[in-house]
Amino acid sequence: MITVFVMNTCPDCTRIEAQIQGNPNYHVIDIGAHVRNLKAFLQLRDTNPTFAAARRMGFAGIPCFVLEDGSVTLSPMEAGIGELTPTAPSCNLDGTGC
């Protein structure tokens, strides 16, 4: 099962959630639903090299996918979902993405 870290106020995350809704191959964790979810995500984000560019650019790093082998990616395609097509406003303050 692929774990997907999202937040319900992130436009990219809501599009991902809509694509995988009802699919038992994905387990969605909303980091805004409970502080323990946020802490789990922050532990991953702060220690995993996959997030280096996201941290450097000021991105939150969501949606994030933890694949079945434990590897981490920010790519929906690598998680078997497909590429996102922007249809909603960006969630970065400068308008560059999540």
C-alpha atoms as a PDB file:
ATOM      1  CA  MET A   1       0.000   0.000   0.000  1.00  0.00           C
ATOM      2  CA  ILE A   2       1.215   3.504  -0.836  1.00  0.00           C
ATOM      3  CA  THR A   3       0.907   6.133   1.886  1.00  0.00           C
ATOM      4  CA  VAL A   4      -0.026   9.593   0.661  1.00  0.00           C
ATOM      5  CA  PHE A   5       0.542  12.625   2.884  1.00  0.00           C
ATOM      6  CA  VAL A   6      -1.857  15.445   2.000  1.00  0.00           C
ATOM      7  CA  MET A   7      -3.572  18.479   3.471  1.00  0.00           C
ATOM      8  CA  ASN A   8      -7.164  19.308   2.598  1.00  0.00           C
ATOM      9  CA  THR A   9      -6.363  22.978   1.920  1.00  0.00           C
ATOM     10  CA  CYS A  10      -3.722  22.129  -0.715  1.00  0.00           C
ATOM     11  CA  PRO A  11      -5.117  22.208  -4.276  1.00  0.00           C
ATOM     12  CA  ASP A  12      -2.625  19.596  -5.529  1.00  0.00           C
ATOM     13  CA  CYS A  13      -3.537  17.315  -2.635  1.00  0.00           C
ATOM     14  CA  THR A  14      -7.270  17.538  -3.246  1.00  0.00           C
ATOM     15  CA  ARG A  15      -6.773  16.614  -6.906  1.00  0.00           C
ATOM     16  CA  ILE A  16      -4.665  13.607  -5.883  1.00  0.00           C
ATOM     17  CA  GLU A  17      -7.251  12.543  -3.317  1.00  0.00           C
ATOM     18  CA  ALA A  18      -9.995  12.708  -5.944  1.00  0.00           C
ATOM     19  CA  GLN A  19      -7.947  10.491  -8.278  1.00  0.00           C
ATOM     20  CA  ILE A  20      -7.302   7.778  -5.675  1.00  0.00           C
ATOM     21  CA  GLN A  21     -10.607   7.896  -3.791  1.00  0.00           C
ATOM     22  CA  GLY A  22     -11.830   4.377  -3.089  1.00  0.00           C
ATOM     23  CA  ASN A  23      -8.597   2.761  -4.306  1.00  0.00           C
ATOM     24  CA  PRO A  24      -7.404   0.294  -1.640  1.00  0.00           C
ATOM     25  CA  ASN A  25      -3.805   0.590  -2.878  1.00  0.00           C
ATOM     26  CA  TYR A  26      -3.488   4.039  -1.260  1.00  0.00           C
ATOM     27  CA  HIS A  27      -3.655   5.131   2.380  1.00  0.00           C
ATOM     28  CA  VAL A  28      -4.248   8.880   2.734  1.00  0.00           C
ATOM     29  CA  ILE A  29      -2.976  10.775   5.770  1.00  0.00           C
ATOM     30  CA  ASP A  30      -4.196  14.368   6.119  1.00  0.00           C
ATOM     31  CA  ILE A  31      -1.429  16.203   7.969  1.00  0.00           C
ATOM     32  CA  GLY A  32      -3.884  18.907   9.019  1.00  0.00           C
ATOM     33  CA  ALA A  33      -6.332  16.505  10.661  1.00  0.00           C
ATOM     34  CA  HIS A  34      -4.246  15.819  13.759  1.00  0.00           C
ATOM     35  CA  VAL A  35      -0.930  16.985  15.172  1.00  0.00           C
ATOM     36  CA  ARG A  36       0.408  13.388  15.210  1.00  0.00           C
ATOM     37  CA  ASN A  37      -0.067  13.272  11.417  1.00  0.00           C
ATOM     38  CA  LEU A  38       1.793  16.562  11.042  1.00  0.00           C
ATOM     39  CA  LYS A  39       4.622  15.314  13.278  1.00  0.00           C
ATOM     40  CA  ALA A  40       4.949  12.094  11.265  1.00  0.00           C
ATOM     41  CA  PHE A  41       5.158  14.101   8.043  1.00  0.00           C
ATOM     42  CA  LEU A  42       7.633  16.625   9.452  1.00  0.00           C
ATOM     43  CA  GLN A  43       9.887  13.811  10.690  1.00  0.00           C
ATOM     44  CA  LEU A  44       9.898  12.380   7.163  1.00  0.00           C
ATOM     45  CA  ARG A  45      10.318  15.774   5.487  1.00  0.00           C
ATOM     46  CA  ASP A  46      13.124  16.910   7.766  1.00  0.00           C
ATOM     47  CA  THR A  47      15.182  13.725   7.441  1.00  0.00           C
ATOM     48  CA  ASN A  48      14.591  12.379   3.934  1.00  0.00           C
ATOM     49  CA  PRO A  49      16.807  13.669   1.104  1.00  0.00           C
ATOM     50  CA  THR A  50      13.852  13.506  -1.316  1.00  0.00           C
ATOM     51  CA  PHE A  51      12.678  16.789   0.201  1.00  0.00           C
ATOM     52  CA  ALA A  52      15.975  18.692  -0.157  1.00  0.00           C
ATOM     53  CA  ALA A  53      14.834  20.714  -3.170  1.00  0.00           C
ATOM     54  CA  ALA A  54      11.378  21.322  -1.673  1.00  0.00           C
ATOM     55  CA  ARG A  55      12.906  22.607   1.557  1.00  0.00           C
ATOM     56  CA  ARG A  56      15.388  24.787  -0.336  1.00  0.00           C
ATOM     57  CA  MET A  57      12.607  26.312  -2.458  1.00  0.00           C
ATOM     58  CA  GLY A  58      10.232  26.799   0.483  1.00  0.00           C
ATOM     59  CA  PHE A  59       7.698  24.179  -0.646  1.00  0.00           C
ATOM     60  CA  ALA A  60       5.742  22.155   1.898  1.00  0.00           C
ATOM     61  CA  GLY A  61       6.486  18.908   0.050  1.00  0.00           C
ATOM     62  CA  ILE A  62       2.922  17.695  -0.296  1.00  0.00           C
ATOM     63  CA  PRO A  63       1.430  15.653  -1.721  1.00  0.00           C
ATOM     64  CA  CYS A  64       4.089  13.140  -0.731  1.00  0.00           C
ATOM     65  CA  PHE A  65       4.085   9.431  -1.485  1.00  0.00           C
ATOM     66  CA  VAL A  66       5.729   6.672   0.559  1.00  0.00           C
ATOM     67  CA  LEU A  67       5.905   3.700  -1.770  1.00  0.00           C
ATOM     68  CA  GLU A  68       5.525   0.070  -0.734  1.00  0.00           C
ATOM     69  CA  ASP A  69       9.304  -0.412  -0.648  1.00  0.00           C
ATOM     70  CA  GLY A  70       9.658   2.531   1.762  1.00  0.00           C
ATOM     71  CA  SER A  71      11.068   4.925  -0.798  1.00  0.00           C
ATOM     72  CA  VAL A  72       9.678   8.462  -0.849  1.00  0.00           C
ATOM     73  CA  THR A  73       8.697  10.509  -3.885  1.00  0.00           C
ATOM     74  CA  LEU A  74       6.926  13.737  -4.651  1.00  0.00           C
ATOM     75  CA  SER A  75       5.946  12.444  -8.090  1.00  0.00           C
ATOM     76  CA  PRO A  76       2.368  11.245  -8.597  1.00  0.00           C
ATOM     77  CA  MET A  77       3.584   9.325 -11.651  1.00  0.00           C
ATOM     78  CA  GLU A  78       6.071   7.333  -9.566  1.00  0.00           C
ATOM     79  CA  ALA A  79       3.188   6.509  -7.228  1.00  0.00           C
ATOM     80  CA  GLY A  80       1.126   5.168 -10.128  1.00  0.00           C
ATOM     81  CA  ILE A  81      -1.327   8.048 -10.193  1.00  0.00           C
ATOM     82  CA  GLY A  82      -0.402  10.133 -13.211  1.00  0.00           C
ATOM     83  CA  GLU A  83       0.773  13.691 -13.646  1.00  0.00           C
ATOM     84  CA  LEU A  84      -1.086  16.604 -12.100  1.00  0.00           C
ATOM     85  CA  THR A  85      -2.474  19.286 -14.356  1.00  0.00           C
ATOM     86  CA  PRO A  86      -2.760  22.593 -12.494  1.00  0.00           C
ATOM     87  CA  THR A  87      -6.391  23.682 -12.332  1.00  0.00           C
ATOM     88  CA  ALA A  88      -6.470  25.558  -9.035  1.00  0.00           C
ATOM     89  CA  PRO A  89      -4.527  28.393  -7.460  1.00  0.00           C
ATOM     90  CA  SER A  90      -1.135  27.569  -6.043  1.00  0.00           C
ATOM     91  CA  CYS A  91      -0.735  27.214  -2.295  1.00  0.00           C
ATOM     92  CA  ASN A  92       2.668  28.964  -2.025  1.00  0.00           C
ATOM     93  CA  LEU A  93       2.666  32.557  -0.964  1.00  0.00           C
ATOM     94  CA  ASP A  94       4.642  33.515  -4.063  1.00  0.00           C
ATOM     95  CA  GLY A  95       2.365  31.502  -6.377  1.00  0.00           C
ATOM     96  CA  THR A  96       4.976  28.901  -7.339  1.00  0.00           C
ATOM     97  CA  GLY A  97       3.375  25.729  -5.968  1.00  0.00           C
ATOM     98  CA  CYS A  98       2.961  23.639  -2.857  1.00  0.00           C
END
